[in-house]
Amino acid sequence: MLINCIKELQKRSLQLQEYNVHQKHFKAALTQIDINIMHKSILFVVIIVLSAIFTNAQSGKKTDAIRILTSVQCGQCKTSIETAMVYEKGVIKSILNYISLFE
C-alpha cells in the first residue's frame, strides 16, 4: 500500500512539473502575443499621426472668395474685368455678375 502511495505521489509530481512547464510556455506565448499587439498598435498610431500631418501640410494652400464692388455697365465691361483679373497675382478665377447689380 505504501509503495502504491509513493508511486501515485511520483506520478502526481511529474504531472505537476509538466503542468508548470506548459504554464511557462503558455505565459511566454501570451507575452509574445502582447508584445506583437503593442508593436502593431504603436505602428498604427504612428501611421495615423503621420498621415494627419501630411494631409494638413498639403491643405496649406487655401483659396478665398472676395467680392469687389465695380461700376460695370455692360457685357463688354464684364469681359474686360474678368480677363484682366485672371492675370493678377494670386487670382485663379474671376466671375463678374453684373446682372444682379442692376436688379
PDB file of N, CA and C in Angstrom:
ATOM      1  N   MET A   1       0.807  -1.191   0.000  1.00  0.00           N
ATOM      2  CA  MET A   1       0.000   0.000   0.000  1.00  0.00           C
ATOM      3  C   MET A   1       0.858   1.268   0.000  1.00  0.00           C
ATOM      4  N   LEU A   2       1.894   1.261   0.795  1.00  0.00           N
ATOM      5  CA  LEU A   2       2.788   2.413   0.871  1.00  0.00           C
ATOM      6  C   LEU A   2       3.494   2.629  -0.468  1.00  0.00           C
ATOM      7  N   ILE A   3       3.843   1.548  -1.099  1.00  0.00           N
ATOM      8  CA  ILE A   3       4.516   1.642  -2.401  1.00  0.00           C
ATOM      9  C   ILE A   3       3.567   2.263  -3.435  1.00  0.00           C
ATOM     10  N   ASN A   4       2.314   1.898  -3.380  1.00  0.00           N
ATOM     11  CA  ASN A   4       1.328   2.478  -4.298  1.00  0.00           C
ATOM     12  C   ASN A   4       1.163   3.990  -4.056  1.00  0.00           C
ATOM     13  N   CYS A   5       1.191   4.383  -2.814  1.00  0.00           N
ATOM     14  CA  CYS A   5       1.085   5.804  -2.475  1.00  0.00           C
ATOM     15  C   CYS A   5       2.293   6.580  -2.988  1.00  0.00           C
ATOM     16  N   ILE A   6       3.468   5.991  -2.846  1.00  0.00           N
ATOM     17  CA  ILE A   6       4.693   6.644  -3.315  1.00  0.00           C
ATOM     18  C   ILE A   6       4.663   6.776  -4.839  1.00  0.00           C
ATOM     19  N   LYS A   7       4.249   5.695  -5.513  1.00  0.00           N
ATOM     20  CA  LYS A   7       4.154   5.737  -6.966  1.00  0.00           C
ATOM     21  C   LYS A   7       3.131   6.797  -7.415  1.00  0.00           C
ATOM     22  N   GLU A   8       2.021   6.884  -6.703  1.00  0.00           N
ATOM     23  CA  GLU A   8       0.991   7.881  -7.024  1.00  0.00           C
ATOM     24  C   GLU A   8       1.525   9.298  -6.810  1.00  0.00           C
ATOM     25  N   LEU A   9       2.286   9.493  -5.730  1.00  0.00           N
ATOM     26  CA  LEU A   9       2.884  10.811  -5.474  1.00  0.00           C
ATOM     27  C   LEU A   9       3.897  11.180  -6.556  1.00  0.00           C
ATOM     28  N   GLN A  10       4.707  10.216  -6.970  1.00  0.00           N
ATOM     29  CA  GLN A  10       5.678  10.473  -8.032  1.00  0.00           C
ATOM     30  C   GLN A  10       4.962  10.830  -9.344  1.00  0.00           C
ATOM     31  N   LYS A  11       3.895  10.087  -9.599  1.00  0.00           N
ATOM     32  CA  LYS A  11       3.118  10.342 -10.809  1.00  0.00           C
ATOM     33  C   LYS A  11       2.520  11.757 -10.768  1.00  0.00           C
ATOM     34  N   ARG A  12       1.961  12.128  -9.642  1.00  0.00           N
ATOM     35  CA  ARG A  12       1.378  13.461  -9.479  1.00  0.00           C
ATOM     36  C   ARG A  12       2.463  14.545  -9.562  1.00  0.00           C
ATOM     37  N   SER A  13       3.620  14.263  -9.029  1.00  0.00           N
ATOM     38  CA  SER A  13       4.731  15.221  -9.076  1.00  0.00           C
ATOM     39  C   SER A  13       5.152  15.470 -10.527  1.00  0.00           C
ATOM     40  N   LEU A  14       5.237  14.392 -11.330  1.00  0.00           N
ATOM     41  CA  LEU A  14       5.585  14.536 -12.741  1.00  0.00           C
ATOM     42  C   LEU A  14       4.511  15.332 -13.492  1.00  0.00           C
ATOM     43  N   GLN A  15       3.258  15.059 -13.169  1.00  0.00           N
ATOM     44  CA  GLN A  15       2.173  15.792 -13.802  1.00  0.00           C
ATOM     45  C   GLN A  15       2.234  17.282 -13.452  1.00  0.00           C
ATOM     46  N   LEU A  16       2.556  17.556 -12.197  1.00  0.00           N
ATOM     47  CA  LEU A  16       2.672  18.941 -11.761  1.00  0.00           C
ATOM     48  C   LEU A  16       3.834  19.641 -12.460  1.00  0.00           C
ATOM     49  N   GLN A  17       4.944  18.938 -12.617  1.00  0.00           N
ATOM     50  CA  GLN A  17       6.085  19.517 -13.316  1.00  0.00           C
ATOM     51  C   GLN A  17       5.743  19.796 -14.783  1.00  0.00           C
ATOM     52  N   GLU A  18       5.062  18.857 -15.427  1.00  0.00           N
ATOM     53  CA  GLU A  18       4.639  19.062 -16.809  1.00  0.00           C
ATOM     54  C   GLU A  18       3.676  20.241 -16.901  1.00  0.00           C
ATOM     55  N   TYR A  19       2.765  20.332 -15.943  1.00  0.00           N
ATOM     56  CA  TYR A  19       1.819  21.438 -15.914  1.00  0.00           C
ATOM     57  C   TYR A  19       2.558  22.764 -15.790  1.00  0.00           C
ATOM     58  N   ASN A  20       3.550  22.837 -14.918  1.00  0.00           N
ATOM     59  CA  ASN A  20       4.339  24.061 -14.730  1.00  0.00           C
ATOM     60  C   ASN A  20       5.093  24.444 -16.004  1.00  0.00           C
ATOM     61  N   VAL A  21       5.651  23.425 -16.680  1.00  0.00           N
ATOM     62  CA  VAL A  21       6.366  23.688 -17.930  1.00  0.00           C
ATOM     63  C   VAL A  21       5.403  24.239 -18.975  1.00  0.00           C
ATOM     64  N   HIS A  22       4.234  23.611 -19.099  1.00  0.00           N
ATOM     65  CA  HIS A  22       3.236  24.081 -20.062  1.00  0.00           C
ATOM     66  C   HIS A  22       2.754  25.489 -19.712  1.00  0.00           C
ATOM     67  N   GLN A  23       2.601  25.737 -18.424  1.00  0.00           N
ATOM     68  CA  GLN A  23       2.149  27.050 -17.990  1.00  0.00           C
ATOM     69  C   GLN A  23       3.196  28.119 -18.332  1.00  0.00           C
ATOM     70  N   LYS A  24       4.471  27.805 -18.158  1.00  0.00           N
ATOM     71  CA  LYS A  24       5.540  28.753 -18.506  1.00  0.00           C
ATOM     72  C   LYS A  24       5.533  29.034 -20.011  1.00  0.00           C
ATOM     73  N   HIS A  25       5.385  27.992 -20.826  1.00  0.00           N
ATOM     74  CA  HIS A  25       5.348  28.176 -22.279  1.00  0.00           C
ATOM     75  C   HIS A  25       4.122  29.006 -22.681  1.00  0.00           C
ATOM     76  N   PHE A  26       3.004  28.747 -22.035  1.00  0.00           N
ATOM     77  CA  PHE A  26       1.781  29.490 -22.322  1.00  0.00           C
ATOM     78  C   PHE A  26       1.948  30.959 -21.970  1.00  0.00           C
ATOM     79  N   LYS A  27       2.542  31.239 -20.806  1.00  0.00           N
ATOM     80  CA  LYS A  27       2.773  32.626 -20.406  1.00  0.00           C
ATOM     81  C   LYS A  27       3.736  33.317 -21.367  1.00  0.00           C
ATOM     82  N   ALA A  28       4.766  32.601 -21.808  1.00  0.00           N
ATOM     83  CA  ALA A  28       5.728  33.174 -22.755  1.00  0.00           C
ATOM     84  C   ALA A  28       5.043  33.489 -24.080  1.00  0.00           C
ATOM     85  N   ALA A  29       4.175  32.583 -24.526  1.00  0.00           N
ATOM     86  CA  ALA A  29       3.452  32.808 -25.781  1.00  0.00           C
ATOM     87  C   ALA A  29       2.517  34.007 -25.642  1.00  0.00           C
ATOM     88  N   LEU A  30       1.827  34.127 -24.509  1.00  0.00           N
ATOM     89  CA  LEU A  30       0.939  35.274 -24.291  1.00  0.00           C
ATOM     90  C   LEU A  30       1.725  36.578 -24.249  1.00  0.00           C
ATOM     91  N   THR A  31       2.877  36.548 -23.622  1.00  0.00           N
ATOM     92  CA  THR A  31       3.728  37.737 -23.561  1.00  0.00           C
ATOM     93  C   THR A  31       4.165  38.144 -24.964  1.00  0.00           C
ATOM     94  N   GLN A  32       4.540  37.167 -25.782  1.00  0.00           N
ATOM     95  CA  GLN A  32       4.955  37.460 -27.153  1.00  0.00           C
ATOM     96  C   GLN A  32       3.788  38.026 -27.955  1.00  0.00           C
ATOM     97  N   ILE A  33       2.595  37.483 -27.762  1.00  0.00           N
ATOM     98  CA  ILE A  33       1.412  38.000 -28.453  1.00  0.00           C
ATOM     99  C   ILE A  33       1.131  39.436 -28.011  1.00  0.00           C
ATOM    100  N   ASP A  34       1.246  39.692 -26.707  1.00  0.00           N
ATOM    101  CA  ASP A  34       1.031  41.051 -26.197  1.00  0.00           C
ATOM    102  C   ASP A  34       2.036  42.031 -26.789  1.00  0.00           C
ATOM    103  N   ILE A  35       3.278  41.615 -26.916  1.00  0.00           N
ATOM    104  CA  ILE A  35       4.318  42.473 -27.492  1.00  0.00           C
ATOM    105  C   ILE A  35       4.006  42.746 -28.960  1.00  0.00           C
ATOM    106  N   ASN A  36       3.582  41.722 -29.697  1.00  0.00           N
ATOM    107  CA  ASN A  36       3.237  41.905 -31.110  1.00  0.00           C
ATOM    108  C   ASN A  36       2.057  42.862 -31.262  1.00  0.00           C
ATOM    109  N   ILE A  37       1.052  42.708 -30.414  1.00  0.00           N
ATOM    110  CA  ILE A  37      -0.113  43.597 -30.467  1.00  0.00           C
ATOM    111  C   ILE A  37       0.303  45.026 -30.146  1.00  0.00           C
ATOM    112  N   MET A  38       1.185  45.184 -29.163  1.00  0.00           N
ATOM    113  CA  MET A  38       1.650  46.511 -28.783  1.00  0.00           C
ATOM    114  C   MET A  38       2.424  47.156 -29.939  1.00  0.00           C
ATOM    115  N   HIS A  39       3.289  46.382 -30.594  1.00  0.00           N
ATOM    116  CA  HIS A  39       4.051  46.918 -31.725  1.00  0.00           C
ATOM    117  C   HIS A  39       3.127  47.328 -32.856  1.00  0.00           C
ATOM    118  N   LYS A  40       2.136  46.513 -33.137  1.00  0.00           N
ATOM    119  CA  LYS A  40       1.185  46.852 -34.200  1.00  0.00           C
ATOM    120  C   LYS A  40       0.371  48.082 -33.828  1.00  0.00           C
ATOM    121  N   SER A  41       0.011  48.201 -32.570  1.00  0.00           N
ATOM    122  CA  SER A  41      -0.755  49.378 -32.132  1.00  0.00           C
ATOM    123  C   SER A  41       0.073  50.646 -32.260  1.00  0.00           C
ATOM    124  N   ILE A  42       1.315  50.574 -31.855  1.00  0.00           N
ATOM    125  CA  ILE A  42       2.206  51.735 -31.954  1.00  0.00           C
ATOM    126  C   ILE A  42       2.401  52.109 -33.423  1.00  0.00           C
ATOM    127  N   LEU A  43       2.606  51.118 -34.271  1.00  0.00           N
ATOM    128  CA  LEU A  43       2.775  51.375 -35.699  1.00  0.00           C
ATOM    129  C   LEU A  43       1.523  52.016 -36.286  1.00  0.00           C
ATOM    130  N   PHE A  44       0.357  51.539 -35.891  1.00  0.00           N
ATOM    131  CA  PHE A  44      -0.907  52.094 -36.365  1.00  0.00           C
ATOM    132  C   PHE A  44      -1.039  53.555 -35.951  1.00  0.00           C
ATOM    133  N   VAL A  45      -0.716  53.865 -34.710  1.00  0.00           N
ATOM    134  CA  VAL A  45      -0.815  55.244 -34.222  1.00  0.00           C
ATOM    135  C   VAL A  45       0.158  56.143 -34.971  1.00  0.00           C
ATOM    136  N   VAL A  46       1.370  55.670 -35.200  1.00  0.00           N
ATOM    137  CA  VAL A  46       2.369  56.463 -35.925  1.00  0.00           C
ATOM    138  C   VAL A  46       1.886  56.745 -37.347  1.00  0.00           C
ATOM    139  N   ILE A  47       1.312  55.750 -38.003  1.00  0.00           N
ATOM    140  CA  ILE A  47       0.810  55.936 -39.368  1.00  0.00           C
ATOM    141  C   ILE A  47      -0.318  56.958 -39.385  1.00  0.00           C
ATOM    142  N   ILE A  48      -1.227  56.872 -38.427  1.00  0.00           N
ATOM    143  CA  ILE A  48      -2.339  57.818 -38.358  1.00  0.00           C
ATOM    144  C   ILE A  48      -1.830  59.241 -38.134  1.00  0.00           C
ATOM    145  N   VAL A  49      -0.884  59.397 -37.222  1.00  0.00           N
ATOM    146  CA  VAL A  49      -0.344  60.732 -36.925  1.00  0.00           C
ATOM    147  C   VAL A  49       0.387  61.304 -38.141  1.00  0.00           C
ATOM    148  N   LEU A  50       1.197  60.479 -38.795  1.00  0.00           N
ATOM    149  CA  LEU A  50       1.923  60.961 -39.968  1.00  0.00           C
ATOM    150  C   LEU A  50       0.978  61.313 -41.113  1.00  0.00           C
ATOM    151  N   SER A  51      -0.040  60.510 -41.305  1.00  0.00           N
ATOM    152  CA  SER A  51      -0.991  60.832 -42.379  1.00  0.00           C
ATOM    153  C   SER A  51      -1.738  62.129 -42.059  1.00  0.00           C
ATOM    154  N   ALA A  52      -2.045  62.359 -40.789  1.00  0.00           N
ATOM    155  CA  ALA A  52      -2.709  63.613 -40.414  1.00  0.00           C
ATOM    156  C   ALA A  52      -1.785  64.805 -40.646  1.00  0.00           C
ATOM    157  N   ILE A  53      -0.520  64.640 -40.331  1.00  0.00           N
ATOM    158  CA  ILE A  53       0.448  65.727 -40.534  1.00  0.00           C
ATOM    159  C   ILE A  53       0.597  66.038 -42.022  1.00  0.00           C
ATOM    160  N   PHE A  54       0.761  64.991 -42.843  1.00  0.00           N
ATOM    161  CA  PHE A  54       0.939  65.227 -44.279  1.00  0.00           C
ATOM    162  C   PHE A  54      -0.332  65.758 -44.926  1.00  0.00           C
ATOM    163  N   THR A  55      -1.485  65.316 -44.464  1.00  0.00           N
ATOM    164  CA  THR A  55      -2.739  65.833 -45.005  1.00  0.00           C
ATOM    165  C   THR A  55      -2.883  67.308 -44.682  1.00  0.00           C
ATOM    166  N   ASN A  56      -2.533  67.687 -43.455  1.00  0.00           N
ATOM    167  CA  ASN A  56      -2.611  69.088 -43.053  1.00  0.00           C
ATOM    168  C   ASN A  56      -1.609  69.931 -43.830  1.00  0.00           C
ATOM    169  N   ALA A  57      -0.429  69.377 -44.091  1.00  0.00           N
ATOM    170  CA  ALA A  57       0.597  70.121 -44.826  1.00  0.00           C
ATOM    171  C   ALA A  57       0.157  70.369 -46.263  1.00  0.00           C
ATOM    172  N   GLN A  58      -0.545  69.416 -46.857  1.00  0.00           N
ATOM    173  CA  GLN A  58      -0.979  69.576 -48.238  1.00  0.00           C
ATOM    174  C   GLN A  58      -2.137  70.548 -48.350  1.00  0.00           C
ATOM    175  N   SER A  59      -2.928  70.657 -47.303  1.00  0.00           N
ATOM    176  CA  SER A  59      -4.073  71.554 -47.379  1.00  0.00           C
ATOM    177  C   SER A  59      -3.701  72.979 -46.967  1.00  0.00           C
ATOM    178  N   GLY A  60      -2.417  73.286 -46.955  1.00  0.00           N
ATOM    179  CA  GLY A  60      -1.962  74.619 -46.583  1.00  0.00           C
ATOM    180  C   GLY A  60      -2.348  75.689 -47.605  1.00  0.00           C
ATOM    181  N   LYS A  61      -2.552  75.280 -48.849  1.00  0.00           N
ATOM    182  CA  LYS A  61      -2.938  76.236 -49.880  1.00  0.00           C
ATOM    183  C   LYS A  61      -4.456  76.380 -49.841  1.00  0.00           C
ATOM    184  N   LYS A  62      -4.898  77.510 -49.371  1.00  0.00           N
ATOM    185  CA  LYS A  62      -6.329  77.748 -49.274  1.00  0.00           C
ATOM    186  C   LYS A  62      -6.717  78.839 -50.250  1.00  0.00           C
ATOM    187  N   THR A  63      -7.954  78.759 -50.679  1.00  0.00           N
ATOM    188  CA  THR A  63      -8.468  79.792 -51.566  1.00  0.00           C
ATOM    189  C   THR A  63      -9.573  80.551 -50.856  1.00  0.00           C
ATOM    190  N   ASP A  64      -9.657  81.809 -51.150  1.00  0.00           N
ATOM    191  CA  ASP A  64     -10.702  82.656 -50.588  1.00  0.00           C
ATOM    192  C   ASP A  64     -11.450  83.321 -51.727  1.00  0.00           C
ATOM    193  N   ALA A  65     -12.712  83.523 -51.512  1.00  0.00           N
ATOM    194  CA  ALA A  65     -13.522  84.270 -52.471  1.00  0.00           C
ATOM    195  C   ALA A  65     -13.706  85.676 -51.921  1.00  0.00           C
ATOM    196  N   ILE A  66     -13.505  86.648 -52.769  1.00  0.00           N
ATOM    197  CA  ILE A  66     -13.698  88.029 -52.341  1.00  0.00           C
ATOM    198  C   ILE A  66     -14.697  88.691 -53.280  1.00  0.00           C
ATOM    199  N   ARG A  67     -15.358  89.716 -52.786  1.00  0.00           N
ATOM    200  CA  ARG A  67     -16.310  90.484 -53.586  1.00  0.00           C
ATOM    201  C   ARG A  67     -15.760  91.895 -53.757  1.00  0.00           C
ATOM    202  N   ILE A  68     -15.786  92.355 -54.976  1.00  0.00           N
ATOM    203  CA  ILE A  68     -15.320  93.706 -55.280  1.00  0.00           C
ATOM    204  C   ILE A  68     -16.472  94.453 -55.935  1.00  0.00           C
ATOM    205  N   LEU A  69     -16.792  95.610 -55.427  1.00  0.00           N
ATOM    206  CA  LEU A  69     -17.852  96.444 -55.999  1.00  0.00           C
ATOM    207  C   LEU A  69     -17.269  97.221 -57.164  1.00  0.00           C
ATOM    208  N   THR A  70     -17.887  97.076 -58.346  1.00  0.00           N
ATOM    209  CA  THR A  70     -17.410  97.777 -59.550  1.00  0.00           C
ATOM    210  C   THR A  70     -18.526  98.632 -60.134  1.00  0.00           C
ATOM    211  N   SER A  71     -18.142  99.409 -61.118  1.00  0.00           N
ATOM    212  CA  SER A  71     -19.133 100.245 -61.809  1.00  0.00           C
ATOM    213  C   SER A  71     -19.351  99.714 -63.223  1.00  0.00           C
ATOM    214  N   VAL A  72     -19.455  98.423 -63.367  1.00  0.00           N
ATOM    215  CA  VAL A  72     -19.653  97.798 -64.668  1.00  0.00           C
ATOM    216  C   VAL A  72     -21.043  98.163 -65.210  1.00  0.00           C
ATOM    217  N   GLN A  73     -21.092  98.367 -66.538  1.00  0.00           N
ATOM    218  CA  GLN A  73     -22.361  98.808 -67.130  1.00  0.00           C
ATOM    219  C   GLN A  73     -22.820  97.911 -68.278  1.00  0.00           C
ATOM    220  N   CYS A  74     -21.946  97.064 -68.784  1.00  0.00           N
ATOM    221  CA  CYS A  74     -22.354  96.225 -69.918  1.00  0.00           C
ATOM    222  C   CYS A  74     -21.577  94.913 -69.928  1.00  0.00           C
ATOM    223  N   GLY A  75     -21.922  94.061 -70.866  1.00  0.00           N
ATOM    224  CA  GLY A  75     -21.262  92.768 -71.001  1.00  0.00           C
ATOM    225  C   GLY A  75     -19.814  92.883 -71.402  1.00  0.00           C
ATOM    226  N   GLN A  76     -19.484  93.927 -72.187  1.00  0.00           N
ATOM    227  CA  GLN A  76     -18.098  94.121 -72.609  1.00  0.00           C
ATOM    228  C   GLN A  76     -17.230  94.499 -71.409  1.00  0.00           C
ATOM    229  N   CYS A  77     -17.772  95.324 -70.522  1.00  0.00           N
ATOM    230  CA  CYS A  77     -17.043  95.670 -69.295  1.00  0.00           C
ATOM    231  C   CYS A  77     -16.803  94.413 -68.465  1.00  0.00           C
ATOM    232  N   LYS A  78     -17.808  93.583 -68.406  1.00  0.00           N
ATOM    233  CA  LYS A  78     -17.707  92.318 -67.655  1.00  0.00           C
ATOM    234  C   LYS A  78     -16.554  91.474 -68.198  1.00  0.00           C
ATOM    235  N   THR A  79     -16.495  91.302 -69.515  1.00  0.00           N
ATOM    236  CA  THR A  79     -15.441  90.501 -70.152  1.00  0.00           C
ATOM    237  C   THR A  79     -14.073  91.125 -69.898  1.00  0.00           C
ATOM    238  N   SER A  80     -13.966  92.416 -70.009  1.00  0.00           N
ATOM    239  CA  SER A  80     -12.672  93.096 -69.803  1.00  0.00           C
ATOM    240  C   SER A  80     -12.167  92.903 -68.377  1.00  0.00           C
ATOM    241  N   ILE A  81     -13.052  93.060 -67.408  1.00  0.00           N
ATOM    242  CA  ILE A  81     -12.642  92.928 -65.998  1.00  0.00           C
ATOM    243  C   ILE A  81     -12.271  91.485 -65.679  1.00  0.00           C
ATOM    244  N   GLU A  82     -13.085  90.540 -66.142  1.00  0.00           N
ATOM    245  CA  GLU A  82     -12.781  89.123 -65.875  1.00  0.00           C
ATOM    246  C   GLU A  82     -11.459  88.713 -66.499  1.00  0.00           C
ATOM    247  N   THR A  83     -11.192  89.170 -67.715  1.00  0.00           N
ATOM    248  CA  THR A  83      -9.937  88.835 -68.393  1.00  0.00           C
ATOM    249  C   THR A  83      -8.748  89.464 -67.682  1.00  0.00           C
ATOM    250  N   ALA A  84      -8.880  90.691 -67.290  1.00  0.00           N
ATOM    251  CA  ALA A  84      -7.772  91.394 -66.631  1.00  0.00           C
ATOM    252  C   ALA A  84      -7.472  90.813 -65.249  1.00  0.00           C
ATOM    253  N   MET A  85      -8.502  90.425 -64.521  1.00  0.00           N
ATOM    254  CA  MET A  85      -8.294  89.912 -63.156  1.00  0.00           C
ATOM    255  C   MET A  85      -7.551  88.579 -63.133  1.00  0.00           C
ATOM    256  N   VAL A  86      -7.712  87.780 -64.173  1.00  0.00           N
ATOM    257  CA  VAL A  86      -7.034  86.482 -64.209  1.00  0.00           C
ATOM    258  C   VAL A  86      -5.522  86.647 -64.229  1.00  0.00           C
ATOM    259  N   TYR A  87      -5.043  87.744 -64.774  1.00  0.00           N
ATOM    260  CA  TYR A  87      -3.598  87.970 -64.867  1.00  0.00           C
ATOM    261  C   TYR A  87      -3.014  88.600 -63.610  1.00  0.00           C
ATOM    262  N   GLU A  88      -3.808  88.884 -62.633  1.00  0.00           N
ATOM    263  CA  GLU A  88      -3.312  89.427 -61.368  1.00  0.00           C
ATOM    264  C   GLU A  88      -2.728  88.299 -60.510  1.00  0.00           C
ATOM    265  N   LYS A  89      -1.742  88.655 -59.710  1.00  0.00           N
ATOM    266  CA  LYS A  89      -1.061  87.672 -58.877  1.00  0.00           C
ATOM    267  C   LYS A  89      -2.035  87.083 -57.841  1.00  0.00           C
ATOM    268  N   GLY A  90      -2.102  85.747 -57.803  1.00  0.00           N
ATOM    269  CA  GLY A  90      -2.918  85.063 -56.822  1.00  0.00           C
ATOM    270  C   GLY A  90      -4.356  84.826 -57.248  1.00  0.00           C
ATOM    271  N   VAL A  91      -4.769  85.383 -58.369  1.00  0.00           N
ATOM    272  CA  VAL A  91      -6.150  85.201 -58.838  1.00  0.00           C
ATOM    273  C   VAL A  91      -6.220  83.937 -59.676  1.00  0.00           C
ATOM    274  N   ILE A  92      -7.126  83.038 -59.303  1.00  0.00           N
ATOM    275  CA  ILE A  92      -7.297  81.793 -60.044  1.00  0.00           C
ATOM    276  C   ILE A  92      -8.455  81.918 -61.032  1.00  0.00           C
ATOM    277  N   LYS A  93      -9.524  82.517 -60.577  1.00  0.00           N
ATOM    278  CA  LYS A  93     -10.725  82.607 -61.397  1.00  0.00           C
ATOM    279  C   LYS A  93     -11.440  83.913 -61.076  1.00  0.00           C
ATOM    280  N   SER A  94     -12.041  84.497 -62.100  1.00  0.00           N
ATOM    281  CA  SER A  94     -12.752  85.765 -61.913  1.00  0.00           C
ATOM    282  C   SER A  94     -14.138  85.639 -62.530  1.00  0.00           C
ATOM    283  N   ILE A  95     -15.160  85.907 -61.749  1.00  0.00           N
ATOM    284  CA  ILE A  95     -16.543  85.870 -62.239  1.00  0.00           C
ATOM    285  C   ILE A  95     -17.207  87.187 -61.850  1.00  0.00           C
ATOM    286  N   LEU A  96     -17.743  87.863 -62.825  1.00  0.00           N
ATOM    287  CA  LEU A  96     -18.425  89.118 -62.556  1.00  0.00           C
ATOM    288  C   LEU A  96     -19.905  88.935 -62.877  1.00  0.00           C
ATOM    289  N   ASN A  97     -20.745  89.208 -61.918  1.00  0.00           N
ATOM    290  CA  ASN A  97     -22.182  89.044 -62.087  1.00  0.00           C
ATOM    291  C   ASN A  97     -22.809  90.434 -62.159  1.00  0.00           C
ATOM    292  N   TYR A  98     -22.829  91.011 -63.347  1.00  0.00           N
ATOM    293  CA  TYR A  98     -23.319  92.393 -63.475  1.00  0.00           C
ATOM    294  C   TYR A  98     -24.837  92.454 -63.540  1.00  0.00           C
ATOM    295  N   ILE A  99     -25.507  91.360 -63.836  1.00  0.00           N
ATOM    296  CA  ILE A  99     -26.966  91.362 -63.900  1.00  0.00           C
ATOM    297  C   ILE A  99     -27.558  91.631 -62.522  1.00  0.00           C
ATOM    298  N   SER A 100     -27.003  91.019 -61.500  1.00  0.00           N
ATOM    299  CA  SER A 100     -27.532  91.208 -60.158  1.00  0.00           C
ATOM    300  C   SER A 100     -27.307  92.632 -59.645  1.00  0.00           C
ATOM    301  N   LEU A 101     -26.370  93.349 -60.244  1.00  0.00           N
ATOM    302  CA  LEU A 101     -26.116  94.717 -59.815  1.00  0.00           C
ATOM    303  C   LEU A 101     -27.251  95.674 -60.212  1.00  0.00           C
ATOM    304  N   PHE A 102     -27.923  95.355 -61.305  1.00  0.00           N
ATOM    305  CA  PHE A 102     -28.971  96.245 -61.801  1.00  0.00           C
ATOM    306  C   PHE A 102     -30.370  95.831 -61.363  1.00  0.00           C
ATOM    307  N   GLU A 103     -30.500  94.735 -60.710  1.00  0.00           N
ATOM    308  CA  GLU A 103     -31.827  94.285 -60.285  1.00  0.00           C
ATOM    309  C   GLU A 103     -32.178  94.774 -58.925  1.00  0.00           C
TER     310      GLU A 103
END
